[in-house]
Amino acid sequence: MAGRAKHVTLAFGDEESTRLSRSGSVQALDRGLILLGIIAEADGLSLTSIAQRAGIAASTAHRILTTLKAAGFVQCDEARGGYLIGVKAFKVGSAFLRNRKLVDVGRSTLRELMLASGETANMGIENDGYVVFVAQVESHQSIRAFHRPGARGPMHASSLGKAILSSLPEKAVTRLLHHIGMKRFTDHTIIDPQTLLSELGTACSRGWAIDDEERAEGMRCVGAPVFNEYGEVVGAISVSGPTVRITDERLGELGPMVKRAASDLTERIGGVAPKQASRYSSALRQCR
């Protein structure tokens, strides 16, 4: 047990604290994260044990644990030996695992979609009002789209973003657009909220959304939403390519293809498509 305690302290303490301090981090937050790491490695620890493993005074540890407990990140169960990880920490960790599962399982879907369409296949999730690209399988075409994993894009001017928005309640979309705005990128970018809501209604009805040169001239994308086990949208997948290949006629082929791939991925992660895809009050009446 002593050897394990030393390992935990090093993993979450000395090395991590040194790195964080060099980056100008907040000491109280650093210590809180260290305590969470220590508690996560055990099945119940007393205040004294936690303080010793963290190398801090018991009074300091108690203040930090009180804050973490109030926020739901830790809980105190004397019957099991003291402090345990709380429900809020579990929820945060589960969010990471959910996205990791989506990416890991989705790679095969993206490969299949790229081969079937001949175009680059993408995956994105929503984060802080933007769509974040988390995976991509490039096509073999000489002219193709490329999005570096981790890159952010506008929700209102991408098929991935629109696919996600089309599966959210109207109030949520309105709040999000108010938060990030609707920047114009090309002459095709939709910058009127009502026009966008109307397009989201169409996307919701047919199951796939389009970025028609709205982010970059000469590029088109087709995206569809992916859902979790509760019927909640957790991301989207898309294909993207130049307008010379993704013509108006080909959109009718690629749209259903991407929709089927998204449905397949939804099933692969144990998700279900919602019975009511959206709850818009006006623009998406056809989705009721």
C-alpha atoms as a PDB file:
ATOM      1  CA  MET A   1       0.000   0.000   0.000  1.00  0.00           C
ATOM      2  CA  ALA A   2       2.857   2.370   0.817  1.00  0.00           C
ATOM      3  CA  GLY A   3       4.392   1.864  -2.610  1.00  0.00           C
ATOM      4  CA  ARG A   4       1.069   2.560  -4.267  1.00  0.00           C
ATOM      5  CA  ALA A   5       0.580   5.721  -2.262  1.00  0.00           C
ATOM      6  CA  LYS A   6       3.967   7.008  -3.408  1.00  0.00           C
ATOM      7  CA  HIS A   7       3.083   6.275  -7.015  1.00  0.00           C
ATOM      8  CA  VAL A   8      -0.201   8.165  -6.719  1.00  0.00           C
ATOM      9  CA  THR A   9       1.473  11.153  -5.135  1.00  0.00           C
ATOM     10  CA  LEU A  10       4.014  11.322  -7.932  1.00  0.00           C
ATOM     11  CA  ALA A  11       1.410  10.833 -10.640  1.00  0.00           C
ATOM     12  CA  PHE A  12      -0.911  13.520  -9.398  1.00  0.00           C
ATOM     13  CA  GLY A  13       1.399  15.496  -7.158  1.00  0.00           C
ATOM     14  CA  ASP A  14       5.063  16.343  -7.691  1.00  0.00           C
ATOM     15  CA  GLU A  15       5.348  15.986 -11.477  1.00  0.00           C
ATOM     16  CA  GLU A  16       1.914  17.412 -12.266  1.00  0.00           C
ATOM     17  CA  SER A  17       2.198  20.259  -9.783  1.00  0.00           C
ATOM     18  CA  THR A  18       5.573  21.221 -11.239  1.00  0.00           C
ATOM     19  CA  ARG A  19       4.155  21.262 -14.764  1.00  0.00           C
ATOM     20  CA  LEU A  20       1.090  23.244 -13.752  1.00  0.00           C
ATOM     21  CA  SER A  21       3.038  25.740 -11.673  1.00  0.00           C
ATOM     22  CA  ARG A  22       5.284  26.462 -14.615  1.00  0.00           C
ATOM     23  CA  SER A  23       2.203  27.232 -16.702  1.00  0.00           C
ATOM     24  CA  GLY A  24       0.958  29.769 -14.146  1.00  0.00           C
ATOM     25  CA  SER A  25      -1.828  27.641 -12.683  1.00  0.00           C
ATOM     26  CA  VAL A  26      -3.893  28.343  -9.575  1.00  0.00           C
ATOM     27  CA  GLN A  27      -2.493  26.566  -6.503  1.00  0.00           C
ATOM     28  CA  ALA A  28      -5.855  25.797  -4.906  1.00  0.00           C
ATOM     29  CA  LEU A  29      -7.119  24.256  -8.144  1.00  0.00           C
ATOM     30  CA  ASP A  30      -3.914  22.245  -8.521  1.00  0.00           C
ATOM     31  CA  ARG A  31      -4.327  20.845  -5.027  1.00  0.00           C
ATOM     32  CA  GLY A  32      -7.969  20.060  -5.616  1.00  0.00           C
ATOM     33  CA  LEU A  33      -7.102  18.053  -8.719  1.00  0.00           C
ATOM     34  CA  ILE A  34      -4.351  16.238  -6.813  1.00  0.00           C
ATOM     35  CA  LEU A  35      -6.806  15.278  -4.061  1.00  0.00           C
ATOM     36  CA  LEU A  36      -9.325  14.033  -6.614  1.00  0.00           C
ATOM     37  CA  GLY A  37      -6.641  11.835  -8.172  1.00  0.00           C
ATOM     38  CA  ILE A  38      -5.672  10.399  -4.792  1.00  0.00           C
ATOM     39  CA  ILE A  39      -9.278   9.669  -3.819  1.00  0.00           C
ATOM     40  CA  ALA A  40      -9.943   8.053  -7.197  1.00  0.00           C
ATOM     41  CA  GLU A  41      -7.155   5.547  -6.580  1.00  0.00           C
ATOM     42  CA  ALA A  42      -8.661   4.249  -3.319  1.00  0.00           C
ATOM     43  CA  ASP A  43     -11.926   2.846  -1.954  1.00  0.00           C
ATOM     44  CA  GLY A  44     -12.280   5.346   0.831  1.00  0.00           C
ATOM     45  CA  LEU A  45      -9.623   7.429   2.572  1.00  0.00           C
ATOM     46  CA  SER A  46      -9.600   9.418   5.777  1.00  0.00           C
ATOM     47  CA  LEU A  47      -8.740  13.111   5.848  1.00  0.00           C
ATOM     48  CA  THR A  48      -5.382  12.323   7.451  1.00  0.00           C
ATOM     49  CA  SER A  49      -4.478   9.738   4.813  1.00  0.00           C
ATOM     50  CA  ILE A  50      -5.394  12.100   1.979  1.00  0.00           C
ATOM     51  CA  ALA A  51      -3.363  14.948   3.460  1.00  0.00           C
ATOM     52  CA  GLN A  52      -0.345  12.693   3.978  1.00  0.00           C
ATOM     53  CA  ARG A  53      -0.445  11.324   0.446  1.00  0.00           C
ATOM     54  CA  ALA A  54      -0.802  14.824  -0.980  1.00  0.00           C
ATOM     55  CA  GLY A  55       1.936  16.203   1.214  1.00  0.00           C
ATOM     56  CA  ILE A  56      -0.174  19.058   2.575  1.00  0.00           C
ATOM     57  CA  ALA A  57      -1.528  20.053   5.987  1.00  0.00           C
ATOM     58  CA  ALA A  58      -4.724  18.360   7.142  1.00  0.00           C
ATOM     59  CA  SER A  59      -6.386  21.762   7.630  1.00  0.00           C
ATOM     60  CA  THR A  60      -5.624  22.678   3.996  1.00  0.00           C
ATOM     61  CA  ALA A  61      -6.904  19.336   2.758  1.00  0.00           C
ATOM     62  CA  HIS A  62     -10.085  19.772   4.796  1.00  0.00           C
ATOM     63  CA  ARG A  63     -10.842  23.177   3.230  1.00  0.00           C
ATOM     64  CA  ILE A  64     -10.354  21.827  -0.278  1.00  0.00           C
ATOM     65  CA  LEU A  65     -12.398  18.697   0.382  1.00  0.00           C
ATOM     66  CA  THR A  66     -15.217  20.795   1.833  1.00  0.00           C
ATOM     67  CA  THR A  67     -15.379  22.758  -1.423  1.00  0.00           C
ATOM     68  CA  LEU A  68     -15.239  19.610  -3.546  1.00  0.00           C
ATOM     69  CA  LYS A  69     -17.923  17.980  -1.420  1.00  0.00           C
ATOM     70  CA  ALA A  70     -20.242  20.989  -1.746  1.00  0.00           C
ATOM     71  CA  ALA A  71     -19.838  20.827  -5.538  1.00  0.00           C
ATOM     72  CA  GLY A  72     -20.563  17.093  -5.591  1.00  0.00           C
ATOM     73  CA  PHE A  73     -17.094  15.997  -6.708  1.00  0.00           C
ATOM     74  CA  VAL A  74     -16.421  14.030  -3.533  1.00  0.00           C
ATOM     75  CA  GLN A  75     -18.595  12.483  -0.847  1.00  0.00           C
ATOM     76  CA  CYS A  76     -17.869  11.365   2.701  1.00  0.00           C
ATOM     77  CA  ASP A  77     -18.889   7.873   3.757  1.00  0.00           C
ATOM     78  CA  GLU A  78     -17.512   6.966   7.167  1.00  0.00           C
ATOM     79  CA  ALA A  79     -18.784   3.387   6.835  1.00  0.00           C
ATOM     80  CA  ARG A  80     -16.445   2.866   3.841  1.00  0.00           C
ATOM     81  CA  GLY A  81     -13.454   4.616   5.336  1.00  0.00           C
ATOM     82  CA  GLY A  82     -13.966   8.275   4.529  1.00  0.00           C
ATOM     83  CA  TYR A  83     -13.870  10.245   1.295  1.00  0.00           C
ATOM     84  CA  LEU A  84     -14.990   8.798  -2.055  1.00  0.00           C
ATOM     85  CA  ILE A  85     -15.400  10.172  -5.552  1.00  0.00           C
ATOM     86  CA  GLY A  86     -18.759  11.951  -5.920  1.00  0.00           C
ATOM     87  CA  VAL A  87     -21.490  11.836  -8.526  1.00  0.00           C
ATOM     88  CA  LYS A  88     -20.375  15.067 -10.241  1.00  0.00           C
ATOM     89  CA  ALA A  89     -16.894  13.667 -10.855  1.00  0.00           C
ATOM     90  CA  PHE A  90     -18.491  10.533 -12.276  1.00  0.00           C
ATOM     91  CA  LYS A  91     -20.589  12.619 -14.669  1.00  0.00           C
ATOM     92  CA  VAL A  92     -17.555  14.551 -15.866  1.00  0.00           C
ATOM     93  CA  GLY A  93     -15.598  11.348 -16.409  1.00  0.00           C
ATOM     94  CA  SER A  94     -18.536   9.726 -18.173  1.00  0.00           C
ATOM     95  CA  ALA A  95     -18.681  12.609 -20.641  1.00  0.00           C
ATOM     96  CA  PHE A  96     -15.083  11.908 -21.641  1.00  0.00           C
ATOM     97  CA  LEU A  97     -15.742   8.198 -21.993  1.00  0.00           C
ATOM     98  CA  ARG A  98     -18.829   8.871 -24.088  1.00  0.00           C
ATOM     99  CA  ASN A  99     -16.901  11.014 -26.558  1.00  0.00           C
ATOM    100  CA  ARG A 100     -13.999   8.552 -26.582  1.00  0.00           C
ATOM    101  CA  LYS A 101     -16.434   5.752 -27.353  1.00  0.00           C
ATOM    102  CA  LEU A 102     -17.953   7.788 -30.160  1.00  0.00           C
ATOM    103  CA  VAL A 103     -14.568   8.409 -31.759  1.00  0.00           C
ATOM    104  CA  ASP A 104     -13.215   4.888 -31.292  1.00  0.00           C
ATOM    105  CA  VAL A 105     -16.317   3.158 -32.611  1.00  0.00           C
ATOM    106  CA  GLY A 106     -16.892   5.784 -35.273  1.00  0.00           C
ATOM    107  CA  ARG A 107     -13.594   5.369 -37.094  1.00  0.00           C
ATOM    108  CA  SER A 108     -14.773   2.272 -38.926  1.00  0.00           C
ATOM    109  CA  THR A 109     -17.983   4.065 -39.883  1.00  0.00           C
ATOM    110  CA  LEU A 110     -15.958   6.982 -41.247  1.00  0.00           C
ATOM    111  CA  ARG A 111     -13.758   4.640 -43.282  1.00  0.00           C
ATOM    112  CA  GLU A 112     -16.790   2.899 -44.744  1.00  0.00           C
ATOM    113  CA  LEU A 113     -18.404   6.248 -45.516  1.00  0.00           C
ATOM    114  CA  MET A 114     -15.261   7.561 -47.221  1.00  0.00           C
ATOM    115  CA  LEU A 115     -14.999   4.455 -49.390  1.00  0.00           C
ATOM    116  CA  ALA A 116     -18.676   4.543 -50.322  1.00  0.00           C
ATOM    117  CA  SER A 117     -18.739   8.254 -51.122  1.00  0.00           C
ATOM    118  CA  GLY A 118     -15.214   8.803 -52.376  1.00  0.00           C
ATOM    119  CA  GLU A 119     -15.067  11.955 -50.239  1.00  0.00           C
ATOM    120  CA  THR A 120     -13.430  12.861 -46.940  1.00  0.00           C
ATOM    121  CA  ALA A 121     -15.486  11.720 -43.940  1.00  0.00           C
ATOM    122  CA  ASN A 122     -15.560  13.782 -40.746  1.00  0.00           C
ATOM    123  CA  MET A 123     -16.822  13.552 -37.173  1.00  0.00           C
ATOM    124  CA  GLY A 124     -17.545  16.442 -34.843  1.00  0.00           C
ATOM    125  CA  ILE A 125     -19.027  17.257 -31.460  1.00  0.00           C
ATOM    126  CA  GLU A 126     -20.377  20.481 -29.982  1.00  0.00           C
ATOM    127  CA  ASN A 127     -18.229  22.319 -27.462  1.00  0.00           C
ATOM    128  CA  ASP A 128     -18.900  25.784 -26.071  1.00  0.00           C
ATOM    129  CA  GLY A 129     -21.041  26.743 -29.043  1.00  0.00           C
ATOM    130  CA  TYR A 130     -18.661  25.485 -31.738  1.00  0.00           C
ATOM    131  CA  VAL A 131     -18.319  22.231 -33.612  1.00  0.00           C
ATOM    132  CA  VAL A 132     -15.013  20.515 -32.817  1.00  0.00           C
ATOM    133  CA  PHE A 133     -13.573  18.059 -35.325  1.00  0.00           C
ATOM    134  CA  VAL A 134     -12.593  14.898 -33.451  1.00  0.00           C
ATOM    135  CA  ALA A 135     -11.890  12.451 -36.293  1.00  0.00           C
ATOM    136  CA  GLN A 136     -11.418  12.396 -40.044  1.00  0.00           C
ATOM    137  CA  VAL A 137     -10.718   9.868 -42.777  1.00  0.00           C
ATOM    138  CA  GLU A 138      -9.348  11.601 -45.861  1.00  0.00           C
ATOM    139  CA  SER A 139     -10.375  10.583 -49.353  1.00  0.00           C
ATOM    140  CA  HIS A 140      -7.853   9.547 -51.991  1.00  0.00           C
ATOM    141  CA  GLN A 141      -8.790  12.456 -54.234  1.00  0.00           C
ATOM    142  CA  SER A 142      -6.087  14.990 -55.098  1.00  0.00           C
ATOM    143  CA  ILE A 143      -8.445  17.814 -54.083  1.00  0.00           C
ATOM    144  CA  ARG A 144      -9.998  17.069 -50.723  1.00  0.00           C
ATOM    145  CA  ALA A 145     -11.079  18.688 -47.475  1.00  0.00           C
ATOM    146  CA  PHE A 146      -8.886  18.578 -44.390  1.00  0.00           C
ATOM    147  CA  HIS A 147      -9.725  19.440 -40.789  1.00  0.00           C
ATOM    148  CA  ARG A 148      -7.095  18.941 -38.127  1.00  0.00           C
ATOM    149  CA  PRO A 149      -8.506  17.039 -35.082  1.00  0.00           C
ATOM    150  CA  GLY A 150      -9.310  19.563 -32.387  1.00  0.00           C
ATOM    151  CA  ALA A 151      -9.996  22.355 -34.863  1.00  0.00           C
ATOM    152  CA  ARG A 152     -13.161  24.357 -34.198  1.00  0.00           C
ATOM    153  CA  GLY A 153     -15.723  25.511 -36.711  1.00  0.00           C
ATOM    154  CA  PRO A 154     -18.918  27.585 -36.749  1.00  0.00           C
ATOM    155  CA  MET A 155     -22.116  25.704 -35.981  1.00  0.00           C
ATOM    156  CA  HIS A 156     -24.246  27.792 -38.344  1.00  0.00           C
ATOM    157  CA  ALA A 157     -21.903  27.414 -41.321  1.00  0.00           C
ATOM    158  CA  SER A 158     -21.081  23.697 -41.293  1.00  0.00           C
ATOM    159  CA  SER A 159     -23.083  20.577 -42.028  1.00  0.00           C
ATOM    160  CA  LEU A 160     -21.818  18.979 -38.808  1.00  0.00           C
ATOM    161  CA  GLY A 161     -22.981  21.983 -36.796  1.00  0.00           C
ATOM    162  CA  LYS A 162     -26.328  22.202 -38.548  1.00  0.00           C
ATOM    163  CA  ALA A 163     -26.939  18.480 -38.073  1.00  0.00           C
ATOM    164  CA  ILE A 164     -26.372  18.899 -34.332  1.00  0.00           C
ATOM    165  CA  LEU A 165     -28.464  22.071 -34.151  1.00  0.00           C
ATOM    166  CA  SER A 166     -31.350  20.424 -36.011  1.00  0.00           C
ATOM    167  CA  SER A 167     -31.610  17.906 -33.165  1.00  0.00           C
ATOM    168  CA  LEU A 168     -31.752  20.495 -30.369  1.00  0.00           C
ATOM    169  CA  PRO A 169     -34.760  22.400 -28.980  1.00  0.00           C
ATOM    170  CA  GLU A 170     -35.328  25.803 -30.554  1.00  0.00           C
ATOM    171  CA  LYS A 171     -34.569  27.628 -27.296  1.00  0.00           C
ATOM    172  CA  ALA A 172     -31.209  25.901 -27.039  1.00  0.00           C
ATOM    173  CA  VAL A 173     -30.349  26.874 -30.609  1.00  0.00           C
ATOM    174  CA  THR A 174     -31.386  30.476 -29.983  1.00  0.00           C
ATOM    175  CA  ARG A 175     -29.226  30.681 -26.857  1.00  0.00           C
ATOM    176  CA  LEU A 176     -26.270  29.184 -28.676  1.00  0.00           C
ATOM    177  CA  LEU A 177     -26.552  31.545 -31.645  1.00  0.00           C
ATOM    178  CA  HIS A 178     -26.868  34.493 -29.297  1.00  0.00           C
ATOM    179  CA  HIS A 179     -23.718  33.334 -27.510  1.00  0.00           C
ATOM    180  CA  ILE A 180     -21.467  32.873 -30.545  1.00  0.00           C
ATOM    181  CA  GLY A 181     -23.168  35.038 -33.182  1.00  0.00           C
ATOM    182  CA  MET A 182     -23.537  34.260 -36.894  1.00  0.00           C
ATOM    183  CA  LYS A 183     -20.378  35.420 -38.619  1.00  0.00           C
ATOM    184  CA  ARG A 184     -20.325  35.712 -42.400  1.00  0.00           C
ATOM    185  CA  PHE A 185     -17.575  33.676 -44.090  1.00  0.00           C
ATOM    186  CA  THR A 186     -18.716  33.699 -47.727  1.00  0.00           C
ATOM    187  CA  ASP A 187     -21.531  35.178 -49.777  1.00  0.00           C
ATOM    188  CA  HIS A 188     -23.438  31.935 -49.107  1.00  0.00           C
ATOM    189  CA  THR A 189     -23.232  32.052 -45.302  1.00  0.00           C
ATOM    190  CA  ILE A 190     -26.626  32.220 -43.589  1.00  0.00           C
ATOM    191  CA  ILE A 191     -26.540  35.080 -41.091  1.00  0.00           C
ATOM    192  CA  ASP A 192     -30.273  35.485 -40.461  1.00  0.00           C
ATOM    193  CA  PRO A 193     -31.531  33.409 -37.507  1.00  0.00           C
ATOM    194  CA  GLN A 194     -34.998  32.778 -38.942  1.00  0.00           C
ATOM    195  CA  THR A 195     -33.560  31.624 -42.261  1.00  0.00           C
ATOM    196  CA  LEU A 196     -31.276  29.245 -40.403  1.00  0.00           C
ATOM    197  CA  LEU A 197     -34.147  27.912 -38.271  1.00  0.00           C
ATOM    198  CA  SER A 198     -36.124  27.232 -41.430  1.00  0.00           C
ATOM    199  CA  GLU A 199     -33.192  25.311 -42.908  1.00  0.00           C
ATOM    200  CA  LEU A 200     -32.766  23.379 -39.681  1.00  0.00           C
ATOM    201  CA  GLY A 201     -36.410  22.383 -39.994  1.00  0.00           C
ATOM    202  CA  THR A 202     -35.712  20.927 -43.419  1.00  0.00           C
ATOM    203  CA  ALA A 203     -32.594  19.171 -42.112  1.00  0.00           C
ATOM    204  CA  CYS A 204     -34.560  17.710 -39.220  1.00  0.00           C
ATOM    205  CA  SER A 205     -37.281  16.449 -41.515  1.00  0.00           C
ATOM    206  CA  ARG A 206     -35.009  14.660 -43.979  1.00  0.00           C
ATOM    207  CA  GLY A 207     -32.306  13.650 -41.482  1.00  0.00           C
ATOM    208  CA  TRP A 208     -29.287  15.424 -42.982  1.00  0.00           C
ATOM    209  CA  ALA A 209     -27.914  18.961 -43.307  1.00  0.00           C
ATOM    210  CA  ILE A 210     -25.908  20.810 -45.956  1.00  0.00           C
ATOM    211  CA  ASP A 211     -23.072  23.311 -45.910  1.00  0.00           C
ATOM    212  CA  ASP A 212     -23.351  24.813 -49.389  1.00  0.00           C
ATOM    213  CA  GLU A 213     -20.132  26.853 -49.693  1.00  0.00           C
ATOM    214  CA  GLU A 214     -21.064  28.600 -46.445  1.00  0.00           C
ATOM    215  CA  ARG A 215     -17.703  28.154 -44.736  1.00  0.00           C
ATOM    216  CA  ALA A 216     -15.409  28.065 -47.759  1.00  0.00           C
ATOM    217  CA  GLU A 217     -16.015  28.901 -51.402  1.00  0.00           C
ATOM    218  CA  GLY A 218     -16.042  25.852 -53.624  1.00  0.00           C
ATOM    219  CA  MET A 219     -16.609  23.325 -50.835  1.00  0.00           C
ATOM    220  CA  ARG A 220     -19.765  21.428 -49.913  1.00  0.00           C
ATOM    221  CA  CYS A 221     -20.485  19.182 -46.926  1.00  0.00           C
ATOM    222  CA  VAL A 222     -23.346  16.875 -45.986  1.00  0.00           C
ATOM    223  CA  GLY A 223     -23.829  15.907 -42.317  1.00  0.00           C
ATOM    224  CA  ALA A 224     -26.170  13.857 -40.124  1.00  0.00           C
ATOM    225  CA  PRO A 225     -26.583  13.619 -36.317  1.00  0.00           C
ATOM    226  CA  VAL A 226     -25.549  10.777 -34.010  1.00  0.00           C
ATOM    227  CA  PHE A 227     -27.540  10.001 -30.847  1.00  0.00           C
ATOM    228  CA  ASN A 228     -26.866   8.340 -27.492  1.00  0.00           C
ATOM    229  CA  GLU A 229     -28.978   5.822 -25.590  1.00  0.00           C
ATOM    230  CA  TYR A 230     -31.309   8.591 -24.427  1.00  0.00           C
ATOM    231  CA  GLY A 231     -32.011   9.889 -27.915  1.00  0.00           C
ATOM    232  CA  GLU A 232     -29.833  12.954 -27.279  1.00  0.00           C
ATOM    233  CA  VAL A 233     -27.557  14.242 -30.011  1.00  0.00           C
ATOM    234  CA  VAL A 234     -23.883  13.655 -29.114  1.00  0.00           C
ATOM    235  CA  GLY A 235     -22.232  14.582 -32.386  1.00  0.00           C
ATOM    236  CA  ALA A 236     -22.461  14.278 -36.148  1.00  0.00           C
ATOM    237  CA  ILE A 237     -20.646  12.821 -39.131  1.00  0.00           C
ATOM    238  CA  SER A 238     -20.284  14.269 -42.601  1.00  0.00           C
ATOM    239  CA  VAL A 239     -18.634  14.018 -45.997  1.00  0.00           C
ATOM    240  CA  SER A 240     -16.991  17.045 -47.581  1.00  0.00           C
ATOM    241  CA  GLY A 241     -15.526  17.847 -50.965  1.00  0.00           C
ATOM    242  CA  PRO A 242     -15.364  20.367 -53.800  1.00  0.00           C
ATOM    243  CA  THR A 243     -18.513  21.505 -55.585  1.00  0.00           C
ATOM    244  CA  VAL A 244     -17.190  20.108 -58.863  1.00  0.00           C
ATOM    245  CA  ARG A 245     -17.721  16.627 -57.397  1.00  0.00           C
ATOM    246  CA  ILE A 246     -20.512  17.267 -54.899  1.00  0.00           C
ATOM    247  CA  THR A 247     -23.009  18.599 -57.410  1.00  0.00           C
ATOM    248  CA  ASP A 248     -26.691  19.360 -56.838  1.00  0.00           C
ATOM    249  CA  GLU A 249     -27.569  15.978 -58.317  1.00  0.00           C
ATOM    250  CA  ARG A 250     -25.087  14.143 -56.093  1.00  0.00           C
ATOM    251  CA  LEU A 251     -26.454  15.732 -52.934  1.00  0.00           C
ATOM    252  CA  GLY A 252     -29.530  13.533 -53.345  1.00  0.00           C
ATOM    253  CA  GLU A 253     -27.254  10.486 -53.193  1.00  0.00           C
ATOM    254  CA  LEU A 254     -24.866  11.600 -50.459  1.00  0.00           C
ATOM    255  CA  GLY A 255     -27.531  12.887 -48.056  1.00  0.00           C
ATOM    256  CA  PRO A 256     -29.254   9.512 -47.499  1.00  0.00           C
ATOM    257  CA  MET A 257     -25.840   7.809 -47.503  1.00  0.00           C
ATOM    258  CA  VAL A 258     -24.566   9.983 -44.643  1.00  0.00           C
ATOM    259  CA  LYS A 259     -27.869   9.577 -42.809  1.00  0.00           C
ATOM    260  CA  ARG A 260     -27.580   5.782 -42.985  1.00  0.00           C
ATOM    261  CA  ALA A 261     -23.986   5.931 -41.766  1.00  0.00           C
ATOM    262  CA  ALA A 262     -25.003   8.144 -38.823  1.00  0.00           C
ATOM    263  CA  SER A 263     -27.832   5.756 -37.964  1.00  0.00           C
ATOM    264  CA  ASP A 264     -25.391   2.855 -38.100  1.00  0.00           C
ATOM    265  CA  LEU A 265     -22.996   4.665 -35.767  1.00  0.00           C
ATOM    266  CA  THR A 266     -25.873   5.487 -33.414  1.00  0.00           C
ATOM    267  CA  GLU A 267     -26.641   1.768 -33.182  1.00  0.00           C
ATOM    268  CA  ARG A 268     -22.972   0.855 -32.731  1.00  0.00           C
ATOM    269  CA  ILE A 269     -22.628   3.060 -29.650  1.00  0.00           C
ATOM    270  CA  GLY A 270     -25.893   1.760 -28.213  1.00  0.00           C
ATOM    271  CA  GLY A 271     -27.862   4.864 -29.096  1.00  0.00           C
ATOM    272  CA  VAL A 272     -31.378   5.333 -30.391  1.00  0.00           C
ATOM    273  CA  ALA A 273     -32.841   7.878 -32.756  1.00  0.00           C
ATOM    274  CA  PRO A 274     -35.355  10.084 -30.930  1.00  0.00           C
ATOM    275  CA  LYS A 275     -39.027   9.547 -31.671  1.00  0.00           C
ATOM    276  CA  GLN A 276     -39.348  13.309 -31.847  1.00  0.00           C
ATOM    277  CA  ALA A 277     -36.205  14.564 -33.530  1.00  0.00           C
ATOM    278  CA  SER A 278     -36.698  18.162 -32.450  1.00  0.00           C
ATOM    279  CA  ARG A 279     -38.975  20.360 -30.395  1.00  0.00           C
ATOM    280  CA  TYR A 280     -38.990  23.546 -32.442  1.00  0.00           C
ATOM    281  CA  SER A 281     -42.198  25.508 -32.000  1.00  0.00           C
ATOM    282  CA  SER A 282     -42.526  26.874 -35.520  1.00  0.00           C
ATOM    283  CA  ALA A 283     -39.721  26.295 -37.998  1.00  0.00           C
ATOM    284  CA  LEU A 284     -39.604  22.542 -37.409  1.00  0.00           C
ATOM    285  CA  ARG A 285     -43.276  21.658 -37.270  1.00  0.00           C
ATOM    286  CA  GLN A 286     -42.657  18.907 -39.807  1.00  0.00           C
ATOM    287  CA  CYS A 287     -40.506  17.101 -37.214  1.00  0.00           C
ATOM    288  CA  ARG A 288     -43.335  16.739 -34.722  1.00  0.00           C
END
